[in-house]
Amino acid sequence: METTALNVLVLVAFGLLVAVTGGVLYLTAADWRDRRRQDKENRENRTSGRYKRKKG
């Protein structure tokens, strides 16, 4: 009985560890993807602004 309870606790702890690790990996990948997209947009905005004619 004591061994069964311990095994259940170990499995629950392992499952939580996997879930938290997966969540951290997902958030890290999403942040990386968003930064990459923002950097690309900033580069495009900077280069497109160079060739506009100035009024005046």
PDB file of N, CA and C in Angstrom:
ATOM      1  N   MET A   1       0.829  -1.197   0.000  1.00  0.00           N
ATOM      2  CA  MET A   1       0.000   0.000   0.000  1.00  0.00           C
ATOM      3  C   MET A   1       0.868   1.253   0.000  1.00  0.00           C
ATOM      4  N   GLU A   2       1.871   1.269   0.870  1.00  0.00           N
ATOM      5  CA  GLU A   2       2.761   2.439   0.952  1.00  0.00           C
ATOM      6  C   GLU A   2       3.544   2.624  -0.349  1.00  0.00           C
ATOM      7  N   THR A   3       3.955   1.522  -0.944  1.00  0.00           N
ATOM      8  CA  THR A   3       4.706   1.586  -2.201  1.00  0.00           C
ATOM      9  C   THR A   3       3.826   2.105  -3.328  1.00  0.00           C
ATOM     10  N   THR A   4       2.560   1.727  -3.355  1.00  0.00           N
ATOM     11  CA  THR A   4       1.648   2.178  -4.396  1.00  0.00           C
ATOM     12  C   THR A   4       1.448   3.692  -4.313  1.00  0.00           C
ATOM     13  N   ALA A   5       1.264   4.209  -3.109  1.00  0.00           N
ATOM     14  CA  ALA A   5       1.075   5.648  -2.932  1.00  0.00           C
ATOM     15  C   ALA A   5       2.328   6.401  -3.366  1.00  0.00           C
ATOM     16  N   LEU A   6       3.479   5.866  -3.028  1.00  0.00           N
ATOM     17  CA  LEU A   6       4.737   6.498  -3.417  1.00  0.00           C
ATOM     18  C   LEU A   6       4.894   6.493  -4.934  1.00  0.00           C
ATOM     19  N   ASN A   7       4.532   5.375  -5.574  1.00  0.00           N
ATOM     20  CA  ASN A   7       4.614   5.300  -7.042  1.00  0.00           C
ATOM     21  C   ASN A   7       3.683   6.310  -7.699  1.00  0.00           C
ATOM     22  N   VAL A   8       2.492   6.482  -7.149  1.00  0.00           N
ATOM     23  CA  VAL A   8       1.553   7.443  -7.701  1.00  0.00           C
ATOM     24  C   VAL A   8       2.111   8.852  -7.565  1.00  0.00           C
ATOM     25  N   LEU A   9       2.663   9.171  -6.414  1.00  0.00           N
ATOM     26  CA  LEU A   9       3.242  10.499  -6.206  1.00  0.00           C
ATOM     27  C   LEU A   9       4.411  10.751  -7.152  1.00  0.00           C
ATOM     28  N   VAL A  10       5.224   9.748  -7.381  1.00  0.00           N
ATOM     29  CA  VAL A  10       6.356   9.899  -8.301  1.00  0.00           C
ATOM     30  C   VAL A  10       5.848  10.138  -9.718  1.00  0.00           C
ATOM     31  N   LEU A  11       4.827   9.401 -10.134  1.00  0.00           N
ATOM     32  CA  LEU A  11       4.272   9.586 -11.473  1.00  0.00           C
ATOM     33  C   LEU A  11       3.629  10.961 -11.624  1.00  0.00           C
ATOM     34  N   VAL A  12       2.914  11.423 -10.609  1.00  0.00           N
ATOM     35  CA  VAL A  12       2.304  12.751 -10.659  1.00  0.00           C
ATOM     36  C   VAL A  12       3.388  13.826 -10.736  1.00  0.00           C
ATOM     37  N   ALA A  13       4.441  13.682  -9.926  1.00  0.00           N
ATOM     38  CA  ALA A  13       5.538  14.655  -9.947  1.00  0.00           C
ATOM     39  C   ALA A  13       6.217  14.670 -11.316  1.00  0.00           C
ATOM     40  N   PHE A  14       6.414  13.500 -11.894  1.00  0.00           N
ATOM     41  CA  PHE A  14       7.043  13.426 -13.212  1.00  0.00           C
ATOM     42  C   PHE A  14       6.144  14.054 -14.273  1.00  0.00           C
ATOM     43  N   GLY A  15       4.855  13.787 -14.197  1.00  0.00           N
ATOM     44  CA  GLY A  15       3.913  14.381 -15.144  1.00  0.00           C
ATOM     45  C   GLY A  15       3.891  15.897 -15.052  1.00  0.00           C
ATOM     46  N   LEU A  16       3.904  16.422 -13.824  1.00  0.00           N
ATOM     47  CA  LEU A  16       3.943  17.876 -13.645  1.00  0.00           C
ATOM     48  C   LEU A  16       5.246  18.469 -14.170  1.00  0.00           C
ATOM     49  N   LEU A  17       6.338  17.767 -13.951  1.00  0.00           N
ATOM     50  CA  LEU A  17       7.628  18.228 -14.457  1.00  0.00           C
ATOM     51  C   LEU A  17       7.618  18.308 -15.977  1.00  0.00           C
ATOM     52  N   VAL A  18       7.062  17.299 -16.618  1.00  0.00           N
ATOM     53  CA  VAL A  18       6.974  17.295 -18.089  1.00  0.00           C
ATOM     54  C   VAL A  18       6.067  18.426 -18.565  1.00  0.00           C
ATOM     55  N   ALA A  19       4.936  18.627 -17.884  1.00  0.00           N
ATOM     56  CA  ALA A  19       3.997  19.674 -18.295  1.00  0.00           C
ATOM     57  C   ALA A  19       4.621  21.059 -18.149  1.00  0.00           C
ATOM     58  N   VAL A  20       5.290  21.321 -17.047  1.00  0.00           N
ATOM     59  CA  VAL A  20       5.911  22.633 -16.828  1.00  0.00           C
ATOM     60  C   VAL A  20       7.043  22.856 -17.826  1.00  0.00           C
ATOM     61  N   THR A  21       7.849  21.835 -18.054  1.00  0.00           N
ATOM     62  CA  THR A  21       8.942  21.955 -19.019  1.00  0.00           C
ATOM     63  C   THR A  21       8.399  22.221 -20.420  1.00  0.00           C
ATOM     64  N   GLY A  22       7.342  21.523 -20.795  1.00  0.00           N
ATOM     65  CA  GLY A  22       6.723  21.756 -22.098  1.00  0.00           C
ATOM     66  C   GLY A  22       6.182  23.170 -22.214  1.00  0.00           C
ATOM     67  N   GLY A  23       5.580  23.673 -21.149  1.00  0.00           N
ATOM     68  CA  GLY A  23       5.058  25.036 -21.167  1.00  0.00           C
ATOM     69  C   GLY A  23       6.159  26.070 -21.320  1.00  0.00           C
ATOM     70  N   VAL A  24       7.248  25.864 -20.620  1.00  0.00           N
ATOM     71  CA  VAL A  24       8.380  26.795 -20.723  1.00  0.00           C
ATOM     72  C   VAL A  24       8.961  26.762 -22.128  1.00  0.00           C
ATOM     73  N   LEU A  25       9.088  25.576 -22.690  1.00  0.00           N
ATOM     74  CA  LEU A  25       9.612  25.472 -24.063  1.00  0.00           C
ATOM     75  C   LEU A  25       8.675  26.150 -25.057  1.00  0.00           C
ATOM     76  N   TYR A  26       7.386  25.973 -24.893  1.00  0.00           N
ATOM     77  CA  TYR A  26       6.418  26.614 -25.793  1.00  0.00           C
ATOM     78  C   TYR A  26       6.511  28.132 -25.697  1.00  0.00           C
ATOM     79  N   LEU A  27       6.547  28.667 -24.478  1.00  0.00           N
ATOM     80  CA  LEU A  27       6.617  30.117 -24.307  1.00  0.00           C
ATOM     81  C   LEU A  27       7.923  30.686 -24.847  1.00  0.00           C
ATOM     82  N   THR A  28       9.010  29.956 -24.673  1.00  0.00           N
ATOM     83  CA  THR A  28      10.298  30.401 -25.200  1.00  0.00           C
ATOM     84  C   THR A  28      10.269  30.441 -26.728  1.00  0.00           C
ATOM     85  N   ALA A  29       9.709  29.404 -27.340  1.00  0.00           N
ATOM     86  CA  ALA A  29       9.630  29.368 -28.803  1.00  0.00           C
ATOM     87  C   ALA A  29       8.708  30.472 -29.323  1.00  0.00           C
ATOM     88  N   ALA A  30       7.598  30.717 -28.641  1.00  0.00           N
ATOM     89  CA  ALA A  30       6.665  31.762 -29.081  1.00  0.00           C
ATOM     90  C   ALA A  30       7.318  33.138 -28.966  1.00  0.00           C
ATOM     91  N   ASP A  31       8.051  33.372 -27.891  1.00  0.00           N
ATOM     92  CA  ASP A  31       8.737  34.656 -27.716  1.00  0.00           C
ATOM     93  C   ASP A  31       9.797  34.843 -28.794  1.00  0.00           C
ATOM     94  N   TRP A  32      10.547  33.800 -29.077  1.00  0.00           N
ATOM     95  CA  TRP A  32      11.574  33.867 -30.118  1.00  0.00           C
ATOM     96  C   TRP A  32      10.950  34.172 -31.471  1.00  0.00           C
ATOM     97  N   ARG A  33       9.836  33.498 -31.791  1.00  0.00           N
ATOM     98  CA  ARG A  33       9.153  33.712 -33.062  1.00  0.00           C
ATOM     99  C   ARG A  33       8.629  35.148 -33.166  1.00  0.00           C
ATOM    100  N   ASP A  34       8.061  35.671 -32.077  1.00  0.00           N
ATOM    101  CA  ASP A  34       7.535  37.035 -32.097  1.00  0.00           C
ATOM    102  C   ASP A  34       8.646  38.069 -32.248  1.00  0.00           C
ATOM    103  N   ARG A  35       9.750  37.871 -31.552  1.00  0.00           N
ATOM    104  CA  ARG A  35      10.879  38.803 -31.698  1.00  0.00           C
ATOM    105  C   ARG A  35      11.423  38.784 -33.109  1.00  0.00           C
ATOM    106  N   ARG A  36      11.513  37.603 -33.686  1.00  0.00           N
ATOM    107  CA  ARG A  36      12.015  37.478 -35.053  1.00  0.00           C
ATOM    108  C   ARG A  36      11.096  38.215 -36.026  1.00  0.00           C
ATOM    109  N   ARG A  37       9.770  38.071 -35.841  1.00  0.00           N
ATOM    110  CA  ARG A  37       8.806  38.755 -36.701  1.00  0.00           C
ATOM    111  C   ARG A  37       8.902  40.263 -36.531  1.00  0.00           C
ATOM    112  N   GLN A  38       9.039  40.737 -35.280  1.00  0.00           N
ATOM    113  CA  GLN A  38       9.148  42.172 -35.040  1.00  0.00           C
ATOM    114  C   GLN A  38      10.433  42.736 -35.644  1.00  0.00           C
ATOM    115  N   ASP A  39      11.526  42.017 -35.502  1.00  0.00           N
ATOM    116  CA  ASP A  39      12.786  42.471 -36.098  1.00  0.00           C
ATOM    117  C   ASP A  39      12.665  42.565 -37.612  1.00  0.00           C
ATOM    118  N   LYS A  40      11.998  41.593 -38.216  1.00  0.00           N
ATOM    119  CA  LYS A  40      11.818  41.609 -39.670  1.00  0.00           C
ATOM    120  C   LYS A  40      10.969  42.808 -40.088  1.00  0.00           C
ATOM    121  N   GLU A  41       9.891  43.066 -39.351  1.00  0.00           N
ATOM    122  CA  GLU A  41       9.042  44.217 -39.667  1.00  0.00           C
ATOM    123  C   GLU A  41       9.800  45.527 -39.495  1.00  0.00           C
ATOM    124  N   ASN A  42      10.610  45.640 -38.451  1.00  0.00           N
ATOM    125  CA  ASN A  42      11.390  46.858 -38.227  1.00  0.00           C
ATOM    126  C   ASN A  42      12.399  47.076 -39.351  1.00  0.00           C
ATOM    127  N   ARG A  43      13.042  46.012 -39.811  1.00  0.00           N
ATOM    128  CA  ARG A  43      13.994  46.142 -40.916  1.00  0.00           C
ATOM    129  C   ARG A  43      13.276  46.581 -42.192  1.00  0.00           C
ATOM    130  N   GLU A  44      12.100  46.004 -42.435  1.00  0.00           N
ATOM    131  CA  GLU A  44      11.345  46.386 -43.636  1.00  0.00           C
ATOM    132  C   GLU A  44      10.891  47.841 -43.558  1.00  0.00           C
ATOM    133  N   ASN A  45      10.475  48.288 -42.397  1.00  0.00           N
ATOM    134  CA  ASN A  45      10.025  49.674 -42.243  1.00  0.00           C
ATOM    135  C   ASN A  45      11.183  50.652 -42.415  1.00  0.00           C
ATOM    136  N   ARG A  46      12.337  50.299 -41.900  1.00  0.00           N
ATOM    137  CA  ARG A  46      13.504  51.185 -42.046  1.00  0.00           C
ATOM    138  C   ARG A  46      13.939  51.300 -43.496  1.00  0.00           C
ATOM    139  N   THR A  47      13.958  50.188 -44.225  1.00  0.00           N
ATOM    140  CA  THR A  47      14.417  50.244 -45.613  1.00  0.00           C
ATOM    141  C   THR A  47      13.384  50.888 -46.511  1.00  0.00           C
ATOM    142  N   SER A  48      12.095  50.711 -46.241  1.00  0.00           N
ATOM    143  CA  SER A  48      11.083  51.321 -47.114  1.00  0.00           C
ATOM    144  C   SER A  48      11.026  52.829 -46.906  1.00  0.00           C
ATOM    145  N   GLY A  49      11.413  53.332 -45.758  1.00  0.00           N
ATOM    146  CA  GLY A  49      11.402  54.760 -45.490  1.00  0.00           C
ATOM    147  C   GLY A  49      12.541  55.505 -46.154  1.00  0.00           C
ATOM    148  N   ARG A  50      13.576  54.820 -46.540  1.00  0.00           N
ATOM    149  CA  ARG A  50      14.749  55.476 -47.131  1.00  0.00           C
ATOM    150  C   ARG A  50      14.470  56.038 -48.510  1.00  0.00           C
ATOM    151  N   TYR A  51      13.628  55.382 -49.268  1.00  0.00           N
ATOM    152  CA  TYR A  51      13.458  55.735 -50.675  1.00  0.00           C
ATOM    153  C   TYR A  51      12.253  56.621 -50.935  1.00  0.00           C
ATOM    154  N   LYS A  52      11.585  57.071 -49.915  1.00  0.00           N
ATOM    155  CA  LYS A  52      10.450  57.970 -50.111  1.00  0.00           C
ATOM    156  C   LYS A  52      10.973  59.372 -50.401  1.00  0.00           C
ATOM    157  N   ARG A  53      10.291  60.044 -51.316  1.00  0.00           N
ATOM    158  CA  ARG A  53      10.687  61.412 -51.654  1.00  0.00           C
ATOM    159  C   ARG A  53      10.182  62.359 -50.574  1.00  0.00           C
ATOM    160  N   LYS A  54      11.003  63.305 -50.246  1.00  0.00           N
ATOM    161  CA  LYS A  54      10.604  64.311 -49.265  1.00  0.00           C
ATOM    162  C   LYS A  54       9.782  65.397 -49.949  1.00  0.00           C
ATOM    163  N   LYS A  55       8.707  65.788 -49.296  1.00  0.00           N
ATOM    164  CA  LYS A  55       7.896  66.885 -49.834  1.00  0.00           C
ATOM    165  C   LYS A  55       8.469  68.193 -49.358  1.00  0.00           C
ATOM    166  N   GLY A  56       8.431  69.180 -50.204  1.00  0.00           N
ATOM    167  CA  GLY A  56       8.878  70.482 -49.727  1.00  0.00           C
ATOM    168  C   GLY A  56       9.733  71.154 -50.647  1.00  0.00           C
TER     169      GLY A  56
END
